[in-house]
């Protein structure tokens, strides 16, 4: 696979997802950025906006293992990771793997689980491994978590800590469909559910190859400096208590590389970084306000984008024809 093949693969997946999902082009693009960059996605919106349906549609479009876990307050870490159980026939302990051992995990209503259970995702999301009773088990690749949460309901929920949020490449809201999209949804779902007949259009090997080559997308030193200027601006902003971490700067870099590849380019443009700054960075900052608000965070990032100078490159190197 070459860089230009990522666009073809991404377009094929997007068209397949759109057989079920009406509209949401930008959100599908962000989800593909997460998939091809071997990262995780947090879908944050009110009930009924299609968060779970989007995740299930993506899973059916991929020829990979998929598992869904409904997060609840009584969910235990071992319900995710698995357990060591005693096999009486063999007279020894054996490992019984939990649902984390998959390629694509849907963590539905992730903020309903207790902090103890949420913390069981930290190691697997960052290091692609799970440690149980002192023994480390490597997860199969690709491995991706698509998590959903409801931002308006607080009873029986446990807000995700900053360390957990920082492991998601993007946090994005689905939003309500407009009137025309709503009519299209009614037409599409008045008969048989289109998800039931959806077929895979990409294999696990396709995704693994894409995840290995996206880093070949060229990004100039001027744009690397631009990324760090944005990051530094979050650390020195009067309204921000905690700025973006080094993990966040790396996330913005690889997201821009994948996004450029999805658009058919083997080089990053300034607009790629500007397009991705809000979904990649807004959930990684902590404001000085008593109550943190996602809209406020996005407005701060947007304000930073208007104040940090955008480099005017003399030449965008396209590299060799890949």
Protein backbone atom coordinates (compact mmCIF):
# COMPACT_ATOMS: atom_id res chain seq x y z
CA UNK A 1 0.00 0.00 0.00
CA UNK A 2 1.11 3.55 -0.82
CA UNK A 3 0.04 6.88 0.66
CA UNK A 4 -2.34 7.58 -2.22
CA UNK A 5 -4.12 4.29 -1.46
CA UNK A 6 -5.24 5.67 1.90
CA UNK A 7 -7.56 8.08 0.11
CA UNK A 8 -9.10 5.24 -1.92
CA UNK A 9 -9.54 3.06 1.17
CA UNK A 10 -10.96 5.96 3.18
CA UNK A 11 -13.43 6.87 0.45
CA UNK A 12 -14.60 3.27 0.18
CA UNK A 13 -15.18 3.09 3.95
CA UNK A 14 -16.92 6.47 4.02
CA UNK A 15 -19.33 5.55 1.23
CA UNK A 16 -20.14 2.29 2.99
CA UNK A 17 -20.82 4.04 6.30
CA UNK A 18 -23.05 6.55 4.51
CA UNK A 19 -25.32 3.70 3.43
CA UNK A 20 -26.52 3.77 7.04
CA UNK A 21 -25.52 7.17 8.44
CA UNK A 22 -27.12 10.25 6.90
CA UNK A 23 -24.84 13.27 6.64
CA UNK A 24 -22.09 13.64 9.28
CA UNK A 25 -19.34 13.81 6.64
CA UNK A 26 -16.94 15.67 8.93
CA UNK A 27 -17.51 13.25 11.80
CA UNK A 28 -16.93 10.24 9.56
CA UNK A 29 -13.70 11.86 8.38
CA UNK A 30 -12.55 12.31 11.98
CA UNK A 31 -13.39 8.72 12.77
CA UNK A 32 -11.32 7.57 9.80
CA UNK A 33 -8.47 9.77 11.01
CA UNK A 34 -8.64 7.93 14.33
CA UNK A 35 -8.79 4.54 12.65
CA UNK A 36 -5.84 5.08 10.30
CA UNK A 37 -3.71 6.73 13.00
CA UNK A 38 -4.29 3.83 15.43
CA UNK A 39 -6.06 6.14 17.86
CA UNK A 40 -9.31 6.33 19.82
CA UNK A 41 -12.50 8.38 19.41
CA UNK A 42 -14.90 9.82 21.99
CA UNK A 43 -18.43 10.53 20.70
CA UNK A 44 -20.06 12.96 23.09
CA UNK A 45 -23.70 13.92 22.61
CA UNK A 46 -27.26 13.54 23.86
CA UNK A 47 -29.13 10.21 23.45
CA UNK A 48 -30.60 9.31 20.09
CA UNK A 49 -28.15 11.19 17.86
CA UNK A 50 -26.60 8.05 16.36
CA UNK A 51 -23.40 7.60 18.38
CA UNK A 52 -23.75 3.85 18.87
CA UNK A 53 -25.14 3.34 15.37
CA UNK A 54 -22.11 5.08 13.86
CA UNK A 55 -19.70 2.88 15.81
CA UNK A 56 -21.55 -0.30 14.83
CA UNK A 57 -21.68 0.79 11.19
CA UNK A 58 -17.93 1.33 11.12
CA UNK A 59 -17.38 -2.08 12.72
CA UNK A 60 -19.50 -3.80 10.05
CA UNK A 61 -17.56 -2.01 7.33
CA UNK A 62 -14.34 -3.57 8.58
CA UNK A 63 -13.37 -7.21 8.45
CA UNK A 64 -12.15 -7.14 12.05
CA UNK A 65 -13.17 -8.47 15.44
CA UNK A 66 -15.69 -6.23 17.19
CA UNK A 67 -17.03 -6.23 20.74
CA UNK A 68 -19.44 -3.94 22.53
CA UNK A 69 -19.50 -3.31 26.27
CA UNK A 70 -22.34 -1.43 27.96
CA UNK A 71 -20.66 0.50 30.77
CA UNK A 72 -22.61 0.54 34.04
CA UNK A 73 -21.72 1.45 37.65
CA UNK A 74 -21.39 -2.24 38.61
CA UNK A 75 -19.01 -3.08 35.75
CA UNK A 76 -15.70 -4.37 37.15
CA UNK A 77 -12.20 -4.03 35.63
CA UNK A 78 -12.02 -7.82 35.24
CA UNK A 79 -15.24 -7.68 33.18
CA UNK A 80 -13.10 -5.87 30.59
CA UNK A 81 -9.64 -7.35 30.97
CA UNK A 82 -10.48 -10.97 31.79
CA UNK A 83 -9.52 -13.21 34.71
CA UNK A 84 -7.21 -16.00 35.77
CA UNK A 85 -9.42 -18.99 36.64
CA UNK A 86 -8.50 -22.34 38.12
CA UNK A 87 -8.94 -25.26 35.74
CA UNK A 88 -9.67 -28.24 37.97
CA UNK A 89 -9.05 -30.75 35.18
CA UNK A 90 -5.57 -29.43 34.50
CA UNK A 91 -4.88 -28.40 38.08
CA UNK A 92 -3.58 -24.99 37.06
CA UNK A 93 -4.69 -21.43 36.45
CA UNK A 94 -5.67 -20.33 32.94
CA UNK A 95 -6.30 -16.91 31.49
CA UNK A 96 -9.79 -16.16 30.19
CA UNK A 97 -9.62 -13.06 27.99
CA UNK A 98 -12.17 -10.26 28.37
CA UNK A 99 -13.75 -8.08 25.66
CA UNK A 100 -10.68 -5.80 25.50
CA UNK A 101 -9.05 -8.50 23.40
CA UNK A 102 -10.53 -7.42 20.11
CA UNK A 103 -9.74 -5.06 17.23
CA UNK A 104 -12.57 -2.58 17.68
CA UNK A 105 -14.15 -1.99 21.08
CA UNK A 106 -17.34 0.03 21.53
CA UNK A 107 -17.36 1.40 25.07
CA UNK A 108 -20.98 2.50 25.28
CA UNK A 109 -21.77 5.21 27.85
CA UNK A 110 -18.23 5.07 29.18
CA UNK A 111 -18.87 7.70 31.85
CA UNK A 112 -21.36 5.40 33.63
CA UNK A 113 -18.54 3.15 34.86
CA UNK A 114 -16.72 3.89 38.10
CA UNK A 115 -13.24 5.49 38.04
CA UNK A 116 -11.76 2.12 39.00
CA UNK A 117 -13.21 0.49 35.88
CA UNK A 118 -12.40 3.48 33.68
CA UNK A 119 -8.76 3.21 34.77
CA UNK A 120 -8.58 -0.33 33.38
CA UNK A 121 -8.64 1.24 29.91
CA UNK A 122 -5.59 3.46 30.46
CA UNK A 123 -2.94 0.82 29.79
CA UNK A 124 -4.65 -0.82 26.82
CA UNK A 125 -5.42 2.48 25.08
CA UNK A 126 -1.87 3.80 25.36
CA UNK A 127 0.34 0.70 25.31
CA UNK A 128 -1.90 -1.87 23.56
CA UNK A 129 -1.42 -4.33 26.39
CA UNK A 130 -3.17 -5.50 29.55
CA UNK A 131 -1.47 -6.51 32.79
CA UNK A 132 -3.34 -9.02 34.95
CA UNK A 133 -1.90 -10.51 38.16
CA UNK A 134 1.55 -9.32 37.14
CA UNK A 135 1.38 -10.94 33.69
CA UNK A 136 1.32 -8.73 30.59
CA UNK A 137 -0.84 -9.71 27.62
CA UNK A 138 -0.32 -7.96 24.28
CA UNK A 139 -3.43 -6.88 22.40
CA UNK A 140 -3.92 -7.74 18.76
CA UNK A 141 -3.52 -4.95 16.22
CA UNK A 142 -5.19 -2.89 15.06
CA UNK A 143 -6.86 -1.93 18.35
CA UNK A 144 -9.27 0.98 18.58
CA UNK A 145 -11.72 2.20 21.21
CA UNK A 146 -14.81 4.12 20.15
CA UNK A 147 -16.45 5.43 23.31
CA UNK A 148 -19.78 7.22 23.73
CA UNK A 149 -21.05 9.40 26.53
CA UNK A 150 -24.00 11.63 27.34
CA UNK A 151 -22.88 15.15 28.37
CA UNK A 152 -26.19 16.31 29.86
CA UNK A 153 -27.03 13.52 32.28
CA UNK A 154 -25.05 13.65 35.53
CA UNK A 155 -26.92 11.24 37.82
CA UNK A 156 -25.12 7.90 38.00
CA UNK A 157 -22.17 9.07 35.90
CA UNK A 158 -18.49 9.58 36.63
CA UNK A 159 -16.74 12.27 34.52
CA UNK A 160 -13.68 11.05 32.68
CA UNK A 161 -10.44 12.30 34.28
CA UNK A 162 -7.92 14.29 32.27
CA UNK A 163 -5.60 11.28 31.93
CA UNK A 164 -8.41 9.31 30.28
CA UNK A 165 -9.54 12.15 28.01
CA UNK A 166 -5.96 12.68 26.86
CA UNK A 167 -5.91 9.17 25.38
CA UNK A 168 -8.67 9.98 22.91
CA UNK A 169 -7.41 11.49 19.66
CA UNK A 170 -10.60 13.50 19.18
CA UNK A 171 -13.75 14.27 21.11
CA UNK A 172 -16.63 15.12 18.82
CA UNK A 173 -20.35 15.82 19.13
CA UNK A 174 -22.74 14.21 16.65
CA UNK A 175 -25.26 17.06 16.63
CA UNK A 176 -28.87 16.99 15.47
CA UNK A 177 -29.58 16.47 11.76
CA UNK A 178 -31.08 19.34 9.81
CA UNK A 179 -34.61 19.08 8.38
CA UNK A 180 -33.55 17.56 5.05
CA UNK A 181 -31.30 15.02 6.76
CA UNK A 182 -34.13 14.17 9.17
CA UNK A 183 -36.45 13.40 6.25
CA UNK A 184 -33.73 11.22 4.68
CA UNK A 185 -33.36 9.34 7.96
CA UNK A 186 -37.10 8.63 8.08
CA UNK A 187 -37.09 7.36 4.50
CA UNK A 188 -34.03 5.18 5.03
CA UNK A 189 -35.25 3.54 8.20
CA UNK A 190 -38.97 3.12 7.41
CA UNK A 191 -38.31 -0.42 6.15
CA UNK A 192 -35.55 -2.89 6.93
CA UNK A 193 -32.61 -1.59 8.92
CA UNK A 194 -29.77 -0.87 6.43
CA UNK A 195 -27.17 -2.01 8.98
CA UNK A 196 -28.38 -5.60 8.68
CA UNK A 197 -27.28 -5.91 5.04
CA UNK A 198 -24.05 -3.91 5.29
CA UNK A 199 -20.93 -5.77 4.11
CA UNK A 200 -17.24 -5.21 4.97
CA UNK A 201 -15.20 -3.21 2.44
CA UNK A 202 -11.81 -3.28 4.18
CA UNK A 203 -9.80 -6.04 5.83
CA UNK A 204 -7.74 -5.96 8.99
CA UNK A 205 -4.59 -6.12 6.89
CA UNK A 206 -5.69 -3.04 4.90
CA UNK A 207 -6.00 -1.04 8.11
CA UNK A 208 -2.68 -2.28 9.48
CA UNK A 209 -0.89 -1.23 6.29
CA UNK A 210 -2.51 2.22 6.35
CA UNK A 211 -1.46 2.65 9.99
CA UNK A 212 2.15 1.90 9.07
CA UNK A 213 2.54 4.29 6.15
CA UNK A 214 0.63 7.46 7.12
CA UNK A 215 3.73 8.76 8.93
CA UNK A 216 5.45 9.07 5.54
CA UNK A 217 3.25 12.08 4.79
CA UNK A 218 5.58 15.09 4.65
CA UNK A 219 5.25 17.97 7.10
CA UNK A 220 7.62 20.94 6.93
CA UNK A 221 9.59 22.36 9.85
CA UNK A 222 7.50 25.53 9.60
CA UNK A 223 4.33 23.53 10.27
CA UNK A 224 5.97 21.63 13.13
CA UNK A 225 6.77 25.02 14.64
CA UNK A 226 3.17 26.13 14.01
CA UNK A 227 1.87 23.10 15.92
CA UNK A 228 4.13 23.87 18.87
CA UNK A 229 3.13 27.55 18.81
CA UNK A 230 -0.50 26.45 19.17
CA UNK A 231 0.40 24.09 21.99
CA UNK A 232 2.44 26.75 23.80
CA UNK A 233 -0.45 29.18 23.44
CA UNK A 234 -2.70 26.79 25.40
CA UNK A 235 -0.09 26.61 28.17
CA UNK A 236 0.19 30.40 28.48
CA UNK A 237 -3.47 31.37 28.03
CA UNK A 238 -5.04 33.37 30.85
CA UNK A 239 -8.22 31.28 30.85
CA UNK A 240 -6.49 27.89 30.80
CA UNK A 241 -5.35 26.18 33.99
CA UNK A 242 -3.82 23.14 32.29
CA UNK A 243 -2.56 23.30 28.72
CA UNK A 244 -2.08 20.60 26.09
CA UNK A 245 0.41 17.85 26.93
CA UNK A 246 3.18 16.49 24.66
CA UNK A 247 0.83 13.60 23.86
CA UNK A 248 -1.60 16.19 22.54
CA UNK A 249 0.98 17.78 20.25
CA UNK A 250 1.87 14.37 18.82
CA UNK A 251 -1.84 13.64 18.36
CA UNK A 252 -2.30 16.83 16.32
CA UNK A 253 0.72 15.93 14.18
CA UNK A 254 -0.40 12.43 13.25
CA UNK A 255 -4.03 13.51 12.81
CA UNK A 256 -2.88 16.14 10.30
CA UNK A 257 -0.79 13.56 8.43
CA UNK A 258 -3.70 11.12 8.14
CA UNK A 259 -6.14 13.88 7.19
CA UNK A 260 -3.82 15.00 4.39
CA UNK A 261 -3.56 11.42 3.11
CA UNK A 262 -7.36 11.08 3.16
CA UNK A 263 -7.52 14.21 0.99
CA UNK A 264 -5.14 12.65 -1.53
CA UNK A 265 -1.96 14.52 -0.56
CA UNK A 266 1.43 13.31 0.65
CA UNK A 267 2.12 16.58 2.46
CA UNK A 268 0.41 18.54 5.26
CA UNK A 269 -1.05 21.99 4.67
CA UNK A 270 -1.71 24.65 7.35
CA UNK A 271 -5.46 24.23 6.84
CA UNK A 272 -5.19 20.56 7.88
CA UNK A 273 -3.85 21.62 11.27
CA UNK A 274 -6.44 24.39 11.65
CA UNK A 275 -9.27 21.98 10.74
CA UNK A 276 -8.19 19.46 13.37
CA UNK A 277 -7.12 21.76 16.19
CA UNK A 278 -10.51 22.00 17.91
CA UNK A 279 -11.51 18.30 17.91
CA UNK A 280 -7.96 17.22 18.87
CA UNK A 281 -7.10 19.87 21.46
CA UNK A 282 -10.30 21.19 23.07
CA UNK A 283 -10.81 18.20 25.40
CA UNK A 284 -7.15 18.29 26.48
CA UNK A 285 -7.29 21.67 28.23
CA UNK A 286 -8.64 22.50 31.67
CA UNK A 287 -10.05 26.00 32.04
CA UNK A 288 -9.96 28.17 35.15
CA UNK A 289 -13.76 28.19 35.30
CA UNK A 290 -15.43 26.31 38.14
CA UNK A 291 -17.47 24.26 35.68
CA UNK A 292 -15.67 23.15 32.56
CA UNK A 293 -17.71 23.40 29.38
CA UNK A 294 -16.91 21.82 26.03
CA UNK A 295 -18.22 24.81 24.08
CA UNK A 296 -16.01 27.14 26.12
CA UNK A 297 -12.97 24.98 25.42
CA UNK A 298 -13.65 25.03 21.68
CA UNK A 299 -14.08 28.80 21.70
CA UNK A 300 -10.74 29.20 23.45
CA UNK A 301 -9.00 26.98 20.88
CA UNK A 302 -10.72 28.93 18.10
CA UNK A 303 -9.48 32.18 19.62
CA UNK A 304 -5.95 30.77 19.80
CA UNK A 305 -6.15 29.84 16.13
CA UNK A 306 -6.90 33.48 15.26
CA UNK A 307 -3.98 34.84 17.28
CA UNK A 308 -1.19 32.38 16.40
CA UNK A 309 0.47 33.31 13.13
CA UNK A 310 0.01 30.81 10.30
CA UNK A 311 3.21 30.14 8.36
CA UNK A 312 3.21 31.08 4.70
CA UNK A 313 5.33 28.39 3.15
CA UNK A 314 7.36 29.17 0.08
CA UNK A 315 7.10 25.62 -1.09
CA UNK A 316 5.01 22.58 -0.15
CA UNK A 317 7.13 19.59 -0.87
CA UNK A 318 5.04 16.83 -2.31
CA UNK A 319 7.90 14.36 -2.19
CA UNK A 320 8.05 11.51 -4.61
CA UNK A 321 4.90 10.34 -6.38
CA UNK A 322 3.73 7.63 -4.01
